[in-house]
Amino acid sequence: MTDPLRPNRRELLKGAAALGLASATGCLPKGPLSEPISDPGAGTRPNMIVMITDDQAASAWGGAPDYPFLSTPNLERLAAEGAELSQAFCTTALCSPSRASLLTGCYAHRHGVIHNEENDLPPEMPTYPRLLQQSGYQTAFIGKWHMRHGAEVRPGFDHWVAFDGQGDYIDPKLNVDGEMHTATGYVTDVLTDYAVDWLRAPRTAPFCLVLSHKAAHQPFVPAAHHAQAFADATLPKPGNFDDDYASKPAWLRRATL
């Protein structure tokens, strides 16, 4: 009998494809790193960096027709040097279930995280960081967890930097390996600095880093140095912007109007 909590090989492969889709962010350091990143896994077991942006539309990068004024060279570089999955889709369009699926390769009805901010994965549910950790990888999670409330350390990670729930854009409160700290600065910059510091640390084992950014989730608060970046831009108005929901189901009207 198949264990309902253990993903099979096909589901793990699906999860790997989902990770490729999630590996996109505009938060790379400018230019080459001033210090090399150690790479003990080269040629044997690959190092992995999974970067996630939050609520970023597929059309909001690369000078897409809807936003021709956007300049996203780091995203375009990642797509050009990696794999871009143009036919992917989300089966459960909520934050917490999607995050659980990225970690497990399972549908929401399998991993049990079906609502936002209510529960974490079952303790017996395998995730790819836990499997990698068990096989000798050094693992780290930095950023937005956003399943069950709380910033405490979760299983599968040797290094942990996270905030509770949605967190704050400015001066976020972070759990760093079990101790609470208040960082100074914009959350994207803060998380990226933590990630780069961890990557530069000497190590004798291959690594897996999950860098999960808060941006660009509403309410939208840009960094001070980007606040006027698109002051002259004009956003096109979607065709359904002024929809009165008269033709929509009653439950949707109640939830929206």
C-alpha atoms as a PDB file:
ATOM      1  CA  MET A   1       0.000   0.000   0.000  1.00  0.00           C
ATOM      2  CA  THR A   2       1.343   3.412  -0.942  1.00  0.00           C
ATOM      3  CA  ASP A   3       2.145   5.755   1.935  1.00  0.00           C
ATOM      4  CA  PRO A   4      -0.189   8.770   1.394  1.00  0.00           C
ATOM      5  CA  LEU A   5       2.411  11.119   2.912  1.00  0.00           C
ATOM      6  CA  ARG A   6       5.423   9.952   0.912  1.00  0.00           C
ATOM      7  CA  PRO A   7       5.832  11.436  -2.561  1.00  0.00           C
ATOM      8  CA  ASN A   8       6.567   8.942  -5.295  1.00  0.00           C
ATOM      9  CA  ARG A   9       9.280   9.328  -7.933  1.00  0.00           C
ATOM     10  CA  ARG A  10       6.954  11.084 -10.380  1.00  0.00           C
ATOM     11  CA  GLU A  11       5.912  13.627  -7.751  1.00  0.00           C
ATOM     12  CA  LEU A  12       9.540  14.302  -6.831  1.00  0.00           C
ATOM     13  CA  LEU A  13      10.314  14.964 -10.489  1.00  0.00           C
ATOM     14  CA  LYS A  14       7.368  17.353 -10.631  1.00  0.00           C
ATOM     15  CA  GLY A  15       8.752  19.079  -7.577  1.00  0.00           C
ATOM     16  CA  ALA A  16      12.128  19.474  -9.260  1.00  0.00           C
ATOM     17  CA  ALA A  17      10.432  21.158 -12.219  1.00  0.00           C
ATOM     18  CA  ALA A  18       8.601  23.480  -9.858  1.00  0.00           C
ATOM     19  CA  LEU A  19      11.907  24.460  -8.276  1.00  0.00           C
ATOM     20  CA  GLY A  20      13.221  25.491 -11.668  1.00  0.00           C
ATOM     21  CA  LEU A  21      10.250  27.812 -12.067  1.00  0.00           C
ATOM     22  CA  ALA A  22      10.776  29.262  -8.596  1.00  0.00           C
ATOM     23  CA  SER A  23      14.459  30.008  -9.193  1.00  0.00           C
ATOM     24  CA  ALA A  24      13.968  33.627 -10.241  1.00  0.00           C
ATOM     25  CA  THR A  25      14.764  36.883  -8.479  1.00  0.00           C
ATOM     26  CA  GLY A  26      16.092  40.315  -9.351  1.00  0.00           C
ATOM     27  CA  CYS A  27      18.142  40.474  -6.162  1.00  0.00           C
ATOM     28  CA  LEU A  28      21.530  39.219  -7.286  1.00  0.00           C
ATOM     29  CA  PRO A  29      24.564  41.168  -6.082  1.00  0.00           C
ATOM     30  CA  LYS A  30      25.753  43.749  -8.594  1.00  0.00           C
ATOM     31  CA  GLY A  31      28.676  42.429 -10.586  1.00  0.00           C
ATOM     32  CA  PRO A  32      30.812  39.436  -9.568  1.00  0.00           C
ATOM     33  CA  LEU A  33      31.171  38.523  -5.915  1.00  0.00           C
ATOM     34  CA  SER A  34      34.260  40.100  -4.392  1.00  0.00           C
ATOM     35  CA  GLU A  35      34.977  36.799  -2.631  1.00  0.00           C
ATOM     36  CA  PRO A  36      34.620  33.334  -4.208  1.00  0.00           C
ATOM     37  CA  ILE A  37      31.868  30.950  -3.193  1.00  0.00           C
ATOM     38  CA  SER A  38      33.318  27.591  -2.149  1.00  0.00           C
ATOM     39  CA  ASP A  39      32.180  24.754  -4.397  1.00  0.00           C
ATOM     40  CA  PRO A  40      33.130  21.377  -2.890  1.00  0.00           C
ATOM     41  CA  GLY A  41      30.265  19.666  -4.712  1.00  0.00           C
ATOM     42  CA  ALA A  42      31.476  20.548  -8.216  1.00  0.00           C
ATOM     43  CA  GLY A  43      31.629  17.526 -10.491  1.00  0.00           C
ATOM     44  CA  THR A  44      30.065  15.189  -7.923  1.00  0.00           C
ATOM     45  CA  ARG A  45      26.983  16.483  -6.127  1.00  0.00           C
ATOM     46  CA  PRO A  46      25.688  19.847  -7.375  1.00  0.00           C
ATOM     47  CA  ASN A  47      25.168  22.858  -5.158  1.00  0.00           C
ATOM     48  CA  MET A  48      21.636  24.277  -5.269  1.00  0.00           C
ATOM     49  CA  ILE A  49      20.257  27.791  -4.823  1.00  0.00           C
ATOM     50  CA  VAL A  50      16.473  28.127  -5.025  1.00  0.00           C
ATOM     51  CA  MET A  51      15.282  31.742  -5.138  1.00  0.00           C
ATOM     52  CA  ILE A  52      11.612  32.678  -4.821  1.00  0.00           C
ATOM     53  CA  THR A  53       9.874  35.991  -5.402  1.00  0.00           C
ATOM     54  CA  ASP A  54       6.415  36.496  -3.931  1.00  0.00           C
ATOM     55  CA  ASP A  55       3.316  37.243  -6.011  1.00  0.00           C
ATOM     56  CA  GLN A  56       5.327  38.323  -9.038  1.00  0.00           C
ATOM     57  CA  ALA A  57       3.301  38.006 -12.226  1.00  0.00           C
ATOM     58  CA  ALA A  58       4.858  36.093 -15.099  1.00  0.00           C
ATOM     59  CA  SER A  59       4.502  39.197 -17.246  1.00  0.00           C
ATOM     60  CA  ALA A  60       6.284  41.475 -14.738  1.00  0.00           C
ATOM     61  CA  TRP A  61       9.785  41.029 -16.033  1.00  0.00           C
ATOM     62  CA  GLY A  62      11.869  41.213 -19.151  1.00  0.00           C
ATOM     63  CA  GLY A  63      10.131  44.155 -20.808  1.00  0.00           C
ATOM     64  CA  ALA A  64       6.894  42.204 -21.267  1.00  0.00           C
ATOM     65  CA  PRO A  65       4.177  43.954 -23.321  1.00  0.00           C
ATOM     66  CA  ASP A  66       2.142  44.887 -20.242  1.00  0.00           C
ATOM     67  CA  TYR A  67       5.099  46.612 -18.569  1.00  0.00           C
ATOM     68  CA  PRO A  68       7.558  47.720 -21.277  1.00  0.00           C
ATOM     69  CA  PHE A  69       9.250  50.141 -18.878  1.00  0.00           C
ATOM     70  CA  LEU A  70      10.495  47.355 -16.579  1.00  0.00           C
ATOM     71  CA  SER A  71      14.200  46.590 -16.585  1.00  0.00           C
ATOM     72  CA  THR A  72      14.994  43.212 -15.010  1.00  0.00           C
ATOM     73  CA  PRO A  73      18.492  42.239 -16.166  1.00  0.00           C
ATOM     74  CA  ASN A  74      19.110  39.772 -13.329  1.00  0.00           C
ATOM     75  CA  LEU A  75      15.892  37.888 -14.012  1.00  0.00           C
ATOM     76  CA  GLU A  76      16.742  37.771 -17.698  1.00  0.00           C
ATOM     77  CA  ARG A  77      20.246  36.556 -16.891  1.00  0.00           C
ATOM     78  CA  LEU A  78      18.874  33.731 -14.727  1.00  0.00           C
ATOM     79  CA  ALA A  79      16.454  32.695 -17.476  1.00  0.00           C
ATOM     80  CA  ALA A  80      19.172  32.807 -20.145  1.00  0.00           C
ATOM     81  CA  GLU A  81      21.669  30.803 -18.101  1.00  0.00           C
ATOM     82  CA  GLY A  82      19.132  28.397 -16.599  1.00  0.00           C
ATOM     83  CA  ALA A  83      15.790  26.879 -17.544  1.00  0.00           C
ATOM     84  CA  GLU A  84      12.639  28.885 -18.185  1.00  0.00           C
ATOM     85  CA  LEU A  85       9.417  26.881 -17.847  1.00  0.00           C
ATOM     86  CA  SER A  86       6.827  28.716 -19.914  1.00  0.00           C
ATOM     87  CA  GLN A  87       4.033  26.113 -19.609  1.00  0.00           C
ATOM     88  CA  ALA A  88       3.914  25.776 -15.800  1.00  0.00           C
ATOM     89  CA  PHE A  89       0.802  26.513 -13.766  1.00  0.00           C
ATOM     90  CA  CYS A  90      -0.296  26.581 -10.138  1.00  0.00           C
ATOM     91  CA  THR A  91      -2.836  23.995  -8.965  1.00  0.00           C
ATOM     92  CA  THR A  92      -3.643  25.701  -5.628  1.00  0.00           C
ATOM     93  CA  ALA A  93      -3.390  29.479  -6.001  1.00  0.00           C
ATOM     94  CA  LEU A  94      -2.713  30.263  -2.339  1.00  0.00           C
ATOM     95  CA  CYS A  95       0.608  31.138  -0.743  1.00  0.00           C
ATOM     96  CA  SER A  96       0.962  28.477   1.959  1.00  0.00           C
ATOM     97  CA  PRO A  97      -0.164  25.479  -0.151  1.00  0.00           C
ATOM     98  CA  SER A  98       2.129  26.565  -2.979  1.00  0.00           C
ATOM     99  CA  ARG A  99       5.114  26.866  -0.647  1.00  0.00           C
ATOM    100  CA  ALA A 100       4.398  23.413   0.766  1.00  0.00           C
ATOM    101  CA  SER A 101       4.173  21.983  -2.758  1.00  0.00           C
ATOM    102  CA  LEU A 102       7.509  23.523  -3.730  1.00  0.00           C
ATOM    103  CA  LEU A 103       9.149  21.839  -0.739  1.00  0.00           C
ATOM    104  CA  THR A 104       7.538  18.420  -1.232  1.00  0.00           C
ATOM    105  CA  GLY A 105       6.599  18.047  -4.901  1.00  0.00           C
ATOM    106  CA  CYS A 106       3.088  17.067  -3.761  1.00  0.00           C
ATOM    107  CA  TYR A 107      -0.380  18.429  -4.410  1.00  0.00           C
ATOM    108  CA  ALA A 108      -2.080  20.213  -1.521  1.00  0.00           C
ATOM    109  CA  HIS A 109      -4.440  17.306  -0.847  1.00  0.00           C
ATOM    110  CA  ARG A 110      -1.355  15.130  -0.277  1.00  0.00           C
ATOM    111  CA  HIS A 111       0.743  17.413   1.934  1.00  0.00           C
ATOM    112  CA  GLY A 112      -2.244  18.796   3.893  1.00  0.00           C
ATOM    113  CA  VAL A 113      -1.462  22.523   3.773  1.00  0.00           C
ATOM    114  CA  ILE A 114      -4.679  23.711   2.168  1.00  0.00           C
ATOM    115  CA  HIS A 115      -5.146  27.160   3.745  1.00  0.00           C
ATOM    116  CA  ASN A 116      -2.910  30.142   4.410  1.00  0.00           C
ATOM    117  CA  GLU A 117      -1.145  30.533   7.749  1.00  0.00           C
ATOM    118  CA  GLU A 118      -2.832  27.593   9.513  1.00  0.00           C
ATOM    119  CA  ASN A 119      -0.408  24.672   9.585  1.00  0.00           C
ATOM    120  CA  ASP A 120       2.998  23.397   8.591  1.00  0.00           C
ATOM    121  CA  LEU A 121       3.729  20.153   6.808  1.00  0.00           C
ATOM    122  CA  PRO A 122       3.225  16.925   8.781  1.00  0.00           C
ATOM    123  CA  PRO A 123       6.470  16.044  10.586  1.00  0.00           C
ATOM    124  CA  GLU A 124       6.752  12.774   8.661  1.00  0.00           C
ATOM    125  CA  MET A 125       6.413  14.462   5.252  1.00  0.00           C
ATOM    126  CA  PRO A 126       9.728  14.422   3.311  1.00  0.00           C
ATOM    127  CA  THR A 127      10.986  17.659   1.789  1.00  0.00           C
ATOM    128  CA  TYR A 128      13.901  18.036  -0.570  1.00  0.00           C
ATOM    129  CA  PRO A 129      15.983  20.066   1.982  1.00  0.00           C
ATOM    130  CA  ARG A 130      15.500  17.341   4.609  1.00  0.00           C
ATOM    131  CA  LEU A 131      16.488  14.608   2.147  1.00  0.00           C
ATOM    132  CA  LEU A 132      19.534  16.575   1.058  1.00  0.00           C
ATOM    133  CA  GLN A 133      20.501  17.279   4.672  1.00  0.00           C
ATOM    134  CA  GLN A 134      20.248  13.570   5.465  1.00  0.00           C
ATOM    135  CA  SER A 135      22.546  12.818   2.525  1.00  0.00           C
ATOM    136  CA  GLY A 136      25.267  15.168   3.760  1.00  0.00           C
ATOM    137  CA  TYR A 137      24.320  18.553   2.287  1.00  0.00           C
ATOM    138  CA  GLN A 138      24.577  21.766   4.280  1.00  0.00           C
ATOM    139  CA  THR A 139      21.169  23.433   4.040  1.00  0.00           C
ATOM    140  CA  ALA A 140      19.862  26.928   4.716  1.00  0.00           C
ATOM    141  CA  PHE A 141      16.507  28.703   4.595  1.00  0.00           C
ATOM    142  CA  ILE A 142      16.500  32.491   4.417  1.00  0.00           C
ATOM    143  CA  GLY A 143      13.339  34.551   4.116  1.00  0.00           C
ATOM    144  CA  LYS A 144       9.594  34.050   4.072  1.00  0.00           C
ATOM    145  CA  TRP A 145       8.276  30.706   5.358  1.00  0.00           C
ATOM    146  CA  HIS A 146       4.580  31.687   5.531  1.00  0.00           C
ATOM    147  CA  MET A 147       2.882  28.503   6.517  1.00  0.00           C
ATOM    148  CA  ARG A 148       2.012  28.117  10.204  1.00  0.00           C
ATOM    149  CA  HIS A 149       2.513  31.362  12.151  1.00  0.00           C
ATOM    150  CA  GLY A 150       5.856  31.691  13.884  1.00  0.00           C
ATOM    151  CA  ALA A 151       9.445  32.337  12.849  1.00  0.00           C
ATOM    152  CA  GLU A 152      10.923  29.371  14.729  1.00  0.00           C
ATOM    153  CA  VAL A 153      13.397  27.034  13.047  1.00  0.00           C
ATOM    154  CA  ARG A 154      11.811  24.310  10.898  1.00  0.00           C
ATOM    155  CA  PRO A 155      13.205  20.816  10.226  1.00  0.00           C
ATOM    156  CA  GLY A 156      15.690  20.223   7.435  1.00  0.00           C
ATOM    157  CA  PHE A 157      17.866  23.332   7.720  1.00  0.00           C
ATOM    158  CA  ASP A 158      21.288  23.811   9.273  1.00  0.00           C
ATOM    159  CA  HIS A 159      20.997  27.590   8.998  1.00  0.00           C
ATOM    160  CA  TRP A 160      17.759  29.516   9.470  1.00  0.00           C
ATOM    161  CA  VAL A 161      16.803  33.169   8.947  1.00  0.00           C
ATOM    162  CA  ALA A 162      13.058  33.864   8.814  1.00  0.00           C
ATOM    163  CA  PHE A 163      10.255  36.125   9.983  1.00  0.00           C
ATOM    164  CA  ASP A 164       6.715  35.490  11.176  1.00  0.00           C
ATOM    165  CA  GLY A 165       3.957  35.530   8.566  1.00  0.00           C
ATOM    166  CA  GLN A 166       4.231  38.346   6.039  1.00  0.00           C
ATOM    167  CA  GLY A 167       6.951  40.157   7.986  1.00  0.00           C
ATOM    168  CA  ASP A 168       7.890  43.801   7.424  1.00  0.00           C
ATOM    169  CA  TYR A 169       9.486  45.544   4.483  1.00  0.00           C
ATOM    170  CA  ILE A 170      11.486  47.924   6.680  1.00  0.00           C
ATOM    171  CA  ASP A 171      13.670  46.779   9.609  1.00  0.00           C
ATOM    172  CA  PRO A 172      12.253  43.218   9.747  1.00  0.00           C
ATOM    173  CA  LYS A 173      12.320  41.119  12.934  1.00  0.00           C
ATOM    174  CA  LEU A 174      14.179  37.897  12.154  1.00  0.00           C
ATOM    175  CA  ASN A 175      14.747  34.563  13.827  1.00  0.00           C
ATOM    176  CA  VAL A 176      18.405  33.803  13.153  1.00  0.00           C
ATOM    177  CA  ASP A 177      19.196  30.237  14.188  1.00  0.00           C
ATOM    178  CA  GLY A 178      16.803  30.414  17.128  1.00  0.00           C
ATOM    179  CA  GLU A 179      17.496  33.958  18.327  1.00  0.00           C
ATOM    180  CA  MET A 180      15.373  37.002  17.491  1.00  0.00           C
ATOM    181  CA  HIS A 181      17.031  40.052  15.937  1.00  0.00           C
ATOM    182  CA  THR A 182      15.745  43.293  14.445  1.00  0.00           C
ATOM    183  CA  ALA A 183      17.555  43.961  11.189  1.00  0.00           C
ATOM    184  CA  THR A 184      18.174  47.417   9.783  1.00  0.00           C
ATOM    185  CA  GLY A 185      17.219  48.174   6.217  1.00  0.00           C
ATOM    186  CA  TYR A 186      14.958  46.989   3.425  1.00  0.00           C
ATOM    187  CA  VAL A 187      13.960  43.346   3.711  1.00  0.00           C
ATOM    188  CA  THR A 188      15.127  42.336   0.210  1.00  0.00           C
ATOM    189  CA  ASP A 189      18.576  43.776   0.842  1.00  0.00           C
ATOM    190  CA  VAL A 190      18.714  42.255   4.338  1.00  0.00           C
ATOM    191  CA  LEU A 191      17.815  38.737   3.166  1.00  0.00           C
ATOM    192  CA  THR A 192      20.180  38.913   0.208  1.00  0.00           C
ATOM    193  CA  ASP A 193      23.048  39.959   2.486  1.00  0.00           C
ATOM    194  CA  TYR A 194      22.360  37.014   4.800  1.00  0.00           C
ATOM    195  CA  ALA A 195      22.330  34.687   1.792  1.00  0.00           C
ATOM    196  CA  VAL A 196      25.589  35.988   0.332  1.00  0.00           C
ATOM    197  CA  ASP A 197      27.305  35.783   3.742  1.00  0.00           C
ATOM    198  CA  TRP A 198      26.216  32.154   4.099  1.00  0.00           C
ATOM    199  CA  LEU A 199      27.320  31.271   0.576  1.00  0.00           C
ATOM    200  CA  ARG A 200      30.771  32.755   1.182  1.00  0.00           C
ATOM    201  CA  ALA A 201      31.357  30.726   4.337  1.00  0.00           C
ATOM    202  CA  PRO A 202      33.967  27.940   3.969  1.00  0.00           C
ATOM    203  CA  ARG A 203      32.500  24.446   3.830  1.00  0.00           C
ATOM    204  CA  THR A 204      33.486  20.885   3.084  1.00  0.00           C
ATOM    205  CA  ALA A 205      30.113  19.621   1.847  1.00  0.00           C
ATOM    206  CA  PRO A 206      27.755  20.526  -1.001  1.00  0.00           C
ATOM    207  CA  PHE A 207      25.018  22.997  -0.117  1.00  0.00           C
ATOM    208  CA  CYS A 208      21.384  23.835  -0.751  1.00  0.00           C
ATOM    209  CA  LEU A 209      20.099  27.357  -0.087  1.00  0.00           C
ATOM    210  CA  VAL A 210      16.432  28.377  -0.249  1.00  0.00           C
ATOM    211  CA  LEU A 211      16.227  32.182  -0.501  1.00  0.00           C
ATOM    212  CA  SER A 212      12.559  33.134  -0.187  1.00  0.00           C
ATOM    213  CA  HIS A 213      11.936  36.853  -0.678  1.00  0.00           C
ATOM    214  CA  LYS A 214       8.982  38.836   0.657  1.00  0.00           C
ATOM    215  CA  ALA A 215       8.843  41.160  -2.350  1.00  0.00           C
ATOM    216  CA  ALA A 216       6.849  41.860  -4.377  1.00  0.00           C
ATOM    217  CA  HIS A 217       3.862  41.063  -2.140  1.00  0.00           C
ATOM    218  CA  GLN A 218       1.298  43.724  -1.276  1.00  0.00           C
ATOM    219  CA  PRO A 219       1.053  46.141   0.488  1.00  0.00           C
ATOM    220  CA  PHE A 220       3.746  47.418  -1.846  1.00  0.00           C
ATOM    221  CA  VAL A 221       6.531  49.282  -0.067  1.00  0.00           C
ATOM    222  CA  PRO A 222       9.566  49.944  -2.270  1.00  0.00           C
ATOM    223  CA  ALA A 223      13.048  50.543  -0.962  1.00  0.00           C
ATOM    224  CA  ALA A 224      13.794  54.242  -0.591  1.00  0.00           C
ATOM    225  CA  HIS A 225      16.383  54.093  -3.376  1.00  0.00           C
ATOM    226  CA  HIS A 226      13.781  52.598  -5.757  1.00  0.00           C
ATOM    227  CA  ALA A 227      10.740  54.653  -4.726  1.00  0.00           C
ATOM    228  CA  GLN A 228      10.875  56.936  -7.786  1.00  0.00           C
ATOM    229  CA  ALA A 229      12.193  54.388 -10.264  1.00  0.00           C
ATOM    230  CA  PHE A 230       8.955  54.373 -12.291  1.00  0.00           C
ATOM    231  CA  ALA A 231       7.539  57.791 -11.437  1.00  0.00           C
ATOM    232  CA  ASP A 232       6.831  58.530 -15.102  1.00  0.00           C
ATOM    233  CA  ALA A 233       5.514  55.099 -16.035  1.00  0.00           C
ATOM    234  CA  THR A 234       1.934  54.583 -17.172  1.00  0.00           C
ATOM    235  CA  LEU A 235       0.204  51.333 -16.222  1.00  0.00           C
ATOM    236  CA  PRO A 236      -2.247  49.983 -18.794  1.00  0.00           C
ATOM    237  CA  LYS A 237      -5.749  49.442 -17.429  1.00  0.00           C
ATOM    238  CA  PRO A 238      -6.860  45.791 -17.716  1.00  0.00           C
ATOM    239  CA  GLY A 239     -10.077  45.175 -19.613  1.00  0.00           C
ATOM    240  CA  ASN A 240     -11.842  43.840 -16.518  1.00  0.00           C
ATOM    241  CA  PHE A 241     -10.603  46.582 -14.160  1.00  0.00           C
ATOM    242  CA  ASP A 242     -14.065  48.141 -13.795  1.00  0.00           C
ATOM    243  CA  ASP A 243     -15.962  44.845 -13.673  1.00  0.00           C
ATOM    244  CA  ASP A 244     -19.030  45.121 -11.402  1.00  0.00           C
ATOM    245  CA  TYR A 245     -19.089  41.321 -10.877  1.00  0.00           C
ATOM    246  CA  ALA A 246     -22.745  41.200 -11.938  1.00  0.00           C
ATOM    247  CA  SER A 247     -22.074  38.088 -14.007  1.00  0.00           C
ATOM    248  CA  LYS A 248     -19.961  36.403 -11.336  1.00  0.00           C
ATOM    249  CA  PRO A 249     -21.134  33.892  -8.680  1.00  0.00           C
ATOM    250  CA  ALA A 250     -22.680  35.286  -5.494  1.00  0.00           C
ATOM    251  CA  TRP A 251     -19.815  34.027  -3.317  1.00  0.00           C
ATOM    252  CA  LEU A 252     -17.311  35.970  -5.428  1.00  0.00           C
ATOM    253  CA  ARG A 253     -19.384  39.151  -5.260  1.00  0.00           C
ATOM    254  CA  ARG A 254     -19.610  38.845  -1.467  1.00  0.00           C
ATOM    255  CA  ALA A 255     -15.883  38.311  -1.152  1.00  0.00           C
ATOM    256  CA  THR A 256     -14.864  41.114  -3.488  1.00  0.00           C
ATOM    257  CA  LEU A 257     -17.336  44.002  -3.290  1.00  0.00           C
END
